[in-house]
Amino acid sequence: MKADLHIHSIYSHDAIAKPESILAAAAERGIGVIAVTDHDTTAGWKEFAENAPKYPVQVIWGQEVKIYHQKQAVGELLCLFLKNPVKSKNVSDVIKEVQAQGGLVSIAHPFSERRIEFRAFADIDNWHNLAVEVMNGRSYKPRDNEMAKSLADRLKTPITAGSDAHTPFEVGNAYLEFEGKTKDDLLKAILNREVRAKGKASSAFFSLISGFGRIGLAV
């Protein structure tokens, strides 16, 4: 089965994808599991829950959280398999908060030159169950994903992958492949290092058009 673990909807300020459009795109492209990871909000969970039964797609509740050190942004974390919104804003507290819910934290696009590179390594005192996103569909330079994969290999962390879609046209461009049929199977596969990151970078054109989300464009 395929899982895209990094997707933004209109509930992110810089995205134009409606929840139902995302679900329809995932179903059309054979993506059986998606994670909703809007920027610092879980406001979209309700609309996804209302629409998900129409599609053969399982939804993981998630959130992409910007983290800070001394008021400076030092990266973003994907918080996955959540039950409740994440409120913390520093790396150690986010990890504790997510793991208390039985969820998983993954460092998002750690070496992306276009966005905030992850700079909070010193704040991580235990890499157990902390994952690294090794395939990000909006990391347009191969070097960015290659460095993320090298980091995960060196630290022997679990891995995640996702399109980082901000439009429905990007859904499924990067994904994890795993043996199983459910979200629970996926989590076990990630923790057991039994997943494969696959896919490709999306066109940079979609970064341009998704910016129109700031003025209310939605598709």
C-alpha atoms as a PDB file:
ATOM      1  CA  MET A   1       0.000   0.000   0.000  1.00  0.00           C
ATOM      2  CA  LYS A   2       1.056   3.604  -0.581  1.00  0.00           C
ATOM      3  CA  ALA A   3       0.932   6.392   2.024  1.00  0.00           C
ATOM      4  CA  ASP A   4       1.484  10.122   1.465  1.00  0.00           C
ATOM      5  CA  LEU A   5       2.357  11.514   4.885  1.00  0.00           C
ATOM      6  CA  HIS A   6       2.686  15.229   4.176  1.00  0.00           C
ATOM      7  CA  ILE A   7      -0.331  17.057   2.713  1.00  0.00           C
ATOM      8  CA  HIS A   8      -1.704  20.572   3.159  1.00  0.00           C
ATOM      9  CA  SER A   9      -5.266  21.714   2.580  1.00  0.00           C
ATOM     10  CA  ILE A  10      -6.976  25.098   2.409  1.00  0.00           C
ATOM     11  CA  TYR A  11      -6.658  25.169   6.194  1.00  0.00           C
ATOM     12  CA  SER A  12      -2.996  26.026   5.629  1.00  0.00           C
ATOM     13  CA  HIS A  13      -2.575  29.678   4.687  1.00  0.00           C
ATOM     14  CA  ASP A  14      -0.473  28.849   1.612  1.00  0.00           C
ATOM     15  CA  ALA A  15      -2.483  25.976   0.106  1.00  0.00           C
ATOM     16  CA  ILE A  16      -5.423  25.789  -2.307  1.00  0.00           C
ATOM     17  CA  ALA A  17      -6.507  22.134  -2.000  1.00  0.00           C
ATOM     18  CA  LYS A  18      -9.962  21.404  -0.623  1.00  0.00           C
ATOM     19  CA  PRO A  19     -10.165  18.303   1.607  1.00  0.00           C
ATOM     20  CA  GLU A  20     -12.468  16.479  -0.792  1.00  0.00           C
ATOM     21  CA  SER A  21     -10.175  17.306  -3.730  1.00  0.00           C
ATOM     22  CA  ILE A  22      -7.265  15.793  -1.827  1.00  0.00           C
ATOM     23  CA  LEU A  23      -9.199  12.626  -1.055  1.00  0.00           C
ATOM     24  CA  ALA A  24     -10.338  12.287  -4.659  1.00  0.00           C
ATOM     25  CA  ALA A  25      -6.803  12.785  -5.962  1.00  0.00           C
ATOM     26  CA  ALA A  26      -5.398  10.213  -3.522  1.00  0.00           C
ATOM     27  CA  ALA A  27      -8.022   7.657  -4.552  1.00  0.00           C
ATOM     28  CA  GLU A  28      -7.378   8.256  -8.239  1.00  0.00           C
ATOM     29  CA  ARG A  29      -3.606   7.800  -7.795  1.00  0.00           C
ATOM     30  CA  GLY A  30      -3.760   4.658  -5.675  1.00  0.00           C
ATOM     31  CA  ILE A  31      -2.750   6.285  -2.403  1.00  0.00           C
ATOM     32  CA  GLY A  32      -4.437   4.274   0.345  1.00  0.00           C
ATOM     33  CA  VAL A  33      -3.364   6.399   3.319  1.00  0.00           C
ATOM     34  CA  ILE A  34      -2.837  10.148   3.633  1.00  0.00           C
ATOM     35  CA  ALA A  35      -1.778  12.355   6.522  1.00  0.00           C
ATOM     36  CA  VAL A  36      -3.365  15.789   6.918  1.00  0.00           C
ATOM     37  CA  THR A  37      -0.515  18.037   8.067  1.00  0.00           C
ATOM     38  CA  ASP A  38      -1.704  21.625   7.890  1.00  0.00           C
ATOM     39  CA  HIS A  39       0.575  24.336   9.232  1.00  0.00           C
ATOM     40  CA  ASP A  40       0.112  24.726  12.990  1.00  0.00           C
ATOM     41  CA  THR A  41      -3.590  23.858  12.876  1.00  0.00           C
ATOM     42  CA  THR A  42      -5.964  20.914  13.015  1.00  0.00           C
ATOM     43  CA  ALA A  43      -8.962  22.917  11.812  1.00  0.00           C
ATOM     44  CA  GLY A  44      -9.305  20.728   8.724  1.00  0.00           C
ATOM     45  CA  TRP A  45      -9.749  17.444  10.583  1.00  0.00           C
ATOM     46  CA  LYS A  46     -13.539  17.812  10.781  1.00  0.00           C
ATOM     47  CA  GLU A  47     -14.016  18.365   7.052  1.00  0.00           C
ATOM     48  CA  PHE A  48     -11.718  15.465   6.195  1.00  0.00           C
ATOM     49  CA  ALA A  49     -13.627  13.204   8.594  1.00  0.00           C
ATOM     50  CA  GLU A  50     -16.911  14.168   6.955  1.00  0.00           C
ATOM     51  CA  ASN A  51     -15.661  13.428   3.428  1.00  0.00           C
ATOM     52  CA  ALA A  52     -13.325  10.468   3.956  1.00  0.00           C
ATOM     53  CA  PRO A  53     -16.074   7.783   4.010  1.00  0.00           C
ATOM     54  CA  LYS A  54     -16.771   8.517   0.325  1.00  0.00           C
ATOM     55  CA  TYR A  55     -13.288   7.387  -0.715  1.00  0.00           C
ATOM     56  CA  PRO A  56     -11.078   4.299  -0.281  1.00  0.00           C
ATOM     57  CA  VAL A  57      -8.531   6.417   1.560  1.00  0.00           C
ATOM     58  CA  GLN A  58      -7.620   6.249   5.246  1.00  0.00           C
ATOM     59  CA  VAL A  59      -6.761   9.542   6.932  1.00  0.00           C
ATOM     60  CA  ILE A  60      -4.088  10.063   9.592  1.00  0.00           C
ATOM     61  CA  TRP A  61      -4.600  13.117  11.781  1.00  0.00           C
ATOM     62  CA  GLY A  62      -1.479  15.229  11.731  1.00  0.00           C
ATOM     63  CA  GLN A  63      -0.040  18.701  11.971  1.00  0.00           C
ATOM     64  CA  GLU A  64       3.107  20.418  10.720  1.00  0.00           C
ATOM     65  CA  VAL A  65       4.482  22.399  13.634  1.00  0.00           C
ATOM     66  CA  LYS A  66       7.017  25.186  13.321  1.00  0.00           C
ATOM     67  CA  ILE A  67       9.473  24.998  16.197  1.00  0.00           C
ATOM     68  CA  TYR A  68      11.450  27.765  17.849  1.00  0.00           C
ATOM     69  CA  HIS A  69      14.587  28.293  19.903  1.00  0.00           C
ATOM     70  CA  GLN A  70      14.922  31.637  21.687  1.00  0.00           C
ATOM     71  CA  LYS A  71      12.137  33.034  19.482  1.00  0.00           C
ATOM     72  CA  GLN A  72      13.939  32.000  16.290  1.00  0.00           C
ATOM     73  CA  ALA A  73      12.327  29.463  13.956  1.00  0.00           C
ATOM     74  CA  VAL A  74      14.611  26.434  13.759  1.00  0.00           C
ATOM     75  CA  GLY A  75      12.635  23.971  11.662  1.00  0.00           C
ATOM     76  CA  GLU A  76       9.359  22.146  11.216  1.00  0.00           C
ATOM     77  CA  LEU A  77       8.145  18.843  12.578  1.00  0.00           C
ATOM     78  CA  LEU A  78       5.513  16.537  11.128  1.00  0.00           C
ATOM     79  CA  CYS A  79       3.341  15.286  13.968  1.00  0.00           C
ATOM     80  CA  LEU A  80       1.517  12.135  12.853  1.00  0.00           C
ATOM     81  CA  PHE A  81      -1.049   9.675  14.239  1.00  0.00           C
ATOM     82  CA  LEU A  82      -2.445  12.325  16.560  1.00  0.00           C
ATOM     83  CA  LYS A  83      -5.544  12.287  18.721  1.00  0.00           C
ATOM     84  CA  ASN A  84      -5.345  15.925  19.819  1.00  0.00           C
ATOM     85  CA  PRO A  85      -3.762  19.130  18.490  1.00  0.00           C
ATOM     86  CA  VAL A  86      -0.127  19.814  19.354  1.00  0.00           C
ATOM     87  CA  LYS A  87       0.384  23.025  21.303  1.00  0.00           C
ATOM     88  CA  SER A  88       4.131  22.997  22.068  1.00  0.00           C
ATOM     89  CA  LYS A  89       6.583  25.051  20.020  1.00  0.00           C
ATOM     90  CA  ASN A  90       9.993  23.651  20.957  1.00  0.00           C
ATOM     91  CA  VAL A  91      11.353  20.370  19.739  1.00  0.00           C
ATOM     92  CA  SER A  92      11.644  18.456  23.005  1.00  0.00           C
ATOM     93  CA  ASP A  93       8.150  19.389  24.194  1.00  0.00           C
ATOM     94  CA  VAL A  94       6.592  18.603  20.799  1.00  0.00           C
ATOM     95  CA  ILE A  95       8.180  15.142  20.858  1.00  0.00           C
ATOM     96  CA  LYS A  96       6.929  14.481  24.388  1.00  0.00           C
ATOM     97  CA  GLU A  97       3.433  15.724  23.554  1.00  0.00           C
ATOM     98  CA  VAL A  98       3.132  13.591  20.430  1.00  0.00           C
ATOM     99  CA  GLN A  99       4.596  10.443  21.916  1.00  0.00           C
ATOM    100  CA  ALA A 100       2.203  10.760  24.875  1.00  0.00           C
ATOM    101  CA  GLN A 101      -0.586  10.363  22.300  1.00  0.00           C
ATOM    102  CA  GLY A 102       1.047   7.311  20.748  1.00  0.00           C
ATOM    103  CA  GLY A 103       1.976   9.362  17.699  1.00  0.00           C
ATOM    104  CA  LEU A 104       5.128   9.816  15.657  1.00  0.00           C
ATOM    105  CA  VAL A 105       7.295  12.873  15.047  1.00  0.00           C
ATOM    106  CA  SER A 106       9.232  13.239  11.801  1.00  0.00           C
ATOM    107  CA  ILE A 107      11.638  16.044  10.914  1.00  0.00           C
ATOM    108  CA  ALA A 108      10.162  17.701   7.834  1.00  0.00           C
ATOM    109  CA  HIS A 109      12.433  18.466   4.850  1.00  0.00           C
ATOM    110  CA  PRO A 110      15.490  18.864   7.145  1.00  0.00           C
ATOM    111  CA  PHE A 111      17.851  20.243   4.487  1.00  0.00           C
ATOM    112  CA  SER A 112      15.507  22.158   2.216  1.00  0.00           C
ATOM    113  CA  GLU A 113      17.204  25.339   1.044  1.00  0.00           C
ATOM    114  CA  ARG A 114      13.851  26.902   0.150  1.00  0.00           C
ATOM    115  CA  ARG A 115      12.455  26.620   3.659  1.00  0.00           C
ATOM    116  CA  ILE A 116      13.743  26.621   7.216  1.00  0.00           C
ATOM    117  CA  GLU A 117      16.498  24.025   7.467  1.00  0.00           C
ATOM    118  CA  PHE A 118      16.320  22.023  10.674  1.00  0.00           C
ATOM    119  CA  ARG A 119      18.675  23.575  13.228  1.00  0.00           C
ATOM    120  CA  ALA A 120      17.554  21.990  16.501  1.00  0.00           C
ATOM    121  CA  PHE A 121      19.687  18.850  16.556  1.00  0.00           C
ATOM    122  CA  ALA A 122      21.208  19.847  19.898  1.00  0.00           C
ATOM    123  CA  ASP A 123      17.727  19.857  21.468  1.00  0.00           C
ATOM    124  CA  ILE A 124      17.158  16.164  20.696  1.00  0.00           C
ATOM    125  CA  ASP A 125      18.410  13.976  23.519  1.00  0.00           C
ATOM    126  CA  ASN A 126      16.797  10.721  22.369  1.00  0.00           C
ATOM    127  CA  TRP A 127      16.350   9.699  18.742  1.00  0.00           C
ATOM    128  CA  HIS A 128      14.209   6.681  19.641  1.00  0.00           C
ATOM    129  CA  ASN A 129      11.015   6.691  17.538  1.00  0.00           C
ATOM    130  CA  LEU A 130      11.917  10.039  15.974  1.00  0.00           C
ATOM    131  CA  ALA A 131      11.724   9.831  12.185  1.00  0.00           C
ATOM    132  CA  VAL A 132      13.234  11.779   9.302  1.00  0.00           C
ATOM    133  CA  GLU A 133      11.356  12.724   6.133  1.00  0.00           C
ATOM    134  CA  VAL A 134      13.696  11.406   3.441  1.00  0.00           C
ATOM    135  CA  MET A 135      11.517  12.094   0.397  1.00  0.00           C
ATOM    136  CA  ASN A 136       9.734  15.438   0.174  1.00  0.00           C
ATOM    137  CA  GLY A 137       7.917  16.321  -3.027  1.00  0.00           C
ATOM    138  CA  ARG A 138       8.653  20.023  -2.681  1.00  0.00           C
ATOM    139  CA  SER A 139      12.390  19.606  -2.180  1.00  0.00           C
ATOM    140  CA  TYR A 140      13.269  20.415  -5.761  1.00  0.00           C
ATOM    141  CA  LYS A 141      17.016  19.842  -5.488  1.00  0.00           C
ATOM    142  CA  PRO A 142      17.902  16.113  -5.290  1.00  0.00           C
ATOM    143  CA  ARG A 143      20.630  17.056  -2.818  1.00  0.00           C
ATOM    144  CA  ASP A 144      18.029  17.990  -0.184  1.00  0.00           C
ATOM    145  CA  ASN A 145      16.395  14.557  -0.078  1.00  0.00           C
ATOM    146  CA  GLU A 146      19.724  12.761  -0.480  1.00  0.00           C
ATOM    147  CA  MET A 147      21.095  14.509   2.615  1.00  0.00           C
ATOM    148  CA  ALA A 148      17.938  13.668   4.565  1.00  0.00           C
ATOM    149  CA  LYS A 149      18.314  10.004   3.603  1.00  0.00           C
ATOM    150  CA  SER A 150      21.982  10.056   4.674  1.00  0.00           C
ATOM    151  CA  LEU A 151      20.979  11.536   8.028  1.00  0.00           C
ATOM    152  CA  ALA A 152      18.381   8.820   8.619  1.00  0.00           C
ATOM    153  CA  ASP A 153      20.858   6.117   7.622  1.00  0.00           C
ATOM    154  CA  ARG A 154      23.550   7.493   9.901  1.00  0.00           C
ATOM    155  CA  LEU A 155      21.258   7.834  12.922  1.00  0.00           C
ATOM    156  CA  LYS A 156      19.300   4.659  12.102  1.00  0.00           C
ATOM    157  CA  THR A 157      15.984   6.495  12.479  1.00  0.00           C
ATOM    158  CA  PRO A 158      12.632   5.501  10.984  1.00  0.00           C
ATOM    159  CA  ILE A 159      11.752   7.324   7.758  1.00  0.00           C
ATOM    160  CA  THR A 160       8.709   9.061   6.299  1.00  0.00           C
ATOM    161  CA  ALA A 161       7.907  10.457   2.862  1.00  0.00           C
ATOM    162  CA  GLY A 162       5.264  12.751   1.468  1.00  0.00           C
ATOM    163  CA  SER A 163       4.368  15.021  -1.393  1.00  0.00           C
ATOM    164  CA  ASP A 164       4.125  18.162   0.756  1.00  0.00           C
ATOM    165  CA  ALA A 165       1.192  18.892  -1.539  1.00  0.00           C
ATOM    166  CA  HIS A 166      -0.395  22.319  -1.320  1.00  0.00           C
ATOM    167  CA  THR A 167      -2.536  21.623  -4.388  1.00  0.00           C
ATOM    168  CA  PRO A 168      -4.496  18.471  -5.279  1.00  0.00           C
ATOM    169  CA  PHE A 169      -2.289  18.042  -8.352  1.00  0.00           C
ATOM    170  CA  GLU A 170       0.729  17.093  -6.211  1.00  0.00           C
ATOM    171  CA  VAL A 171      -0.896  14.446  -4.030  1.00  0.00           C
ATOM    172  CA  GLY A 172       0.963  11.141  -4.215  1.00  0.00           C
ATOM    173  CA  ASN A 173       4.063  12.446  -5.983  1.00  0.00           C
ATOM    174  CA  ALA A 174       6.151  11.236  -3.032  1.00  0.00           C
ATOM    175  CA  TYR A 175       5.059   8.448  -0.712  1.00  0.00           C
ATOM    176  CA  LEU A 176       5.914   5.494   1.495  1.00  0.00           C
ATOM    177  CA  GLU A 177       5.272   1.960   0.326  1.00  0.00           C
ATOM    178  CA  PHE A 178       4.501  -0.674   2.968  1.00  0.00           C
ATOM    179  CA  GLU A 179       3.038  -4.121   3.443  1.00  0.00           C
ATOM    180  CA  GLY A 180      -0.318  -3.891   5.193  1.00  0.00           C
ATOM    181  CA  LYS A 181      -3.850  -2.596   4.911  1.00  0.00           C
ATOM    182  CA  THR A 182      -4.396  -0.147   7.768  1.00  0.00           C
ATOM    183  CA  LYS A 183      -3.001   2.968   9.409  1.00  0.00           C
ATOM    184  CA  ASP A 184      -1.901   0.824  12.349  1.00  0.00           C
ATOM    185  CA  ASP A 185      -0.016  -1.451   9.954  1.00  0.00           C
ATOM    186  CA  LEU A 186       1.700   1.625   8.562  1.00  0.00           C
ATOM    187  CA  LEU A 187       2.827   2.890  11.967  1.00  0.00           C
ATOM    188  CA  LYS A 188       4.262  -0.519  12.833  1.00  0.00           C
ATOM    189  CA  ALA A 189       6.027  -0.697   9.488  1.00  0.00           C
ATOM    190  CA  ILE A 190       7.591   2.737   9.991  1.00  0.00           C
ATOM    191  CA  LEU A 191       8.845   1.893  13.467  1.00  0.00           C
ATOM    192  CA  ASN A 192      10.174  -1.465  12.268  1.00  0.00           C
ATOM    193  CA  ARG A 193      11.976   0.180   9.319  1.00  0.00           C
ATOM    194  CA  GLU A 194       9.884  -1.862   6.862  1.00  0.00           C
ATOM    195  CA  VAL A 195       8.901   0.945   4.508  1.00  0.00           C
ATOM    196  CA  ARG A 196      10.274   2.254   1.221  1.00  0.00           C
ATOM    197  CA  ALA A 197      10.356   5.923   0.204  1.00  0.00           C
ATOM    198  CA  LYS A 198       9.419   6.452  -3.430  1.00  0.00           C
ATOM    199  CA  GLY A 199       8.289   9.125  -5.840  1.00  0.00           C
ATOM    200  CA  LYS A 200       9.591  12.323  -7.360  1.00  0.00           C
ATOM    201  CA  ALA A 201       9.657  16.061  -6.905  1.00  0.00           C
ATOM    202  CA  SER A 202       6.636  18.009  -8.066  1.00  0.00           C
ATOM    203  CA  SER A 203       6.912  20.858 -10.533  1.00  0.00           C
ATOM    204  CA  ALA A 204       7.953  24.144  -8.935  1.00  0.00           C
ATOM    205  CA  PHE A 205       5.001  25.676 -10.786  1.00  0.00           C
ATOM    206  CA  PHE A 206       2.708  24.349  -8.067  1.00  0.00           C
ATOM    207  CA  SER A 207       4.559  26.368  -5.430  1.00  0.00           C
ATOM    208  CA  LEU A 208       3.654  29.460  -7.412  1.00  0.00           C
ATOM    209  CA  ILE A 209      -0.039  28.728  -7.792  1.00  0.00           C
ATOM    210  CA  SER A 210      -0.510  27.472  -4.238  1.00  0.00           C
ATOM    211  CA  GLY A 211       0.507  30.916  -3.026  1.00  0.00           C
ATOM    212  CA  PHE A 212      -2.872  32.128  -4.237  1.00  0.00           C
ATOM    213  CA  GLY A 213      -4.278  30.359  -1.198  1.00  0.00           C
ATOM    214  CA  ARG A 214      -3.419  33.534   0.663  1.00  0.00           C
ATOM    215  CA  ILE A 215      -6.177  35.326  -1.263  1.00  0.00           C
ATOM    216  CA  GLY A 216      -8.720  32.521  -0.951  1.00  0.00           C
ATOM    217  CA  LEU A 217      -8.234  30.465  -4.122  1.00  0.00           C
ATOM    218  CA  ALA A 218      -9.460  26.877  -3.560  1.00  0.00           C
ATOM    219  CA  VAL A 219      -9.742  23.915  -5.918  1.00  0.00           C
END
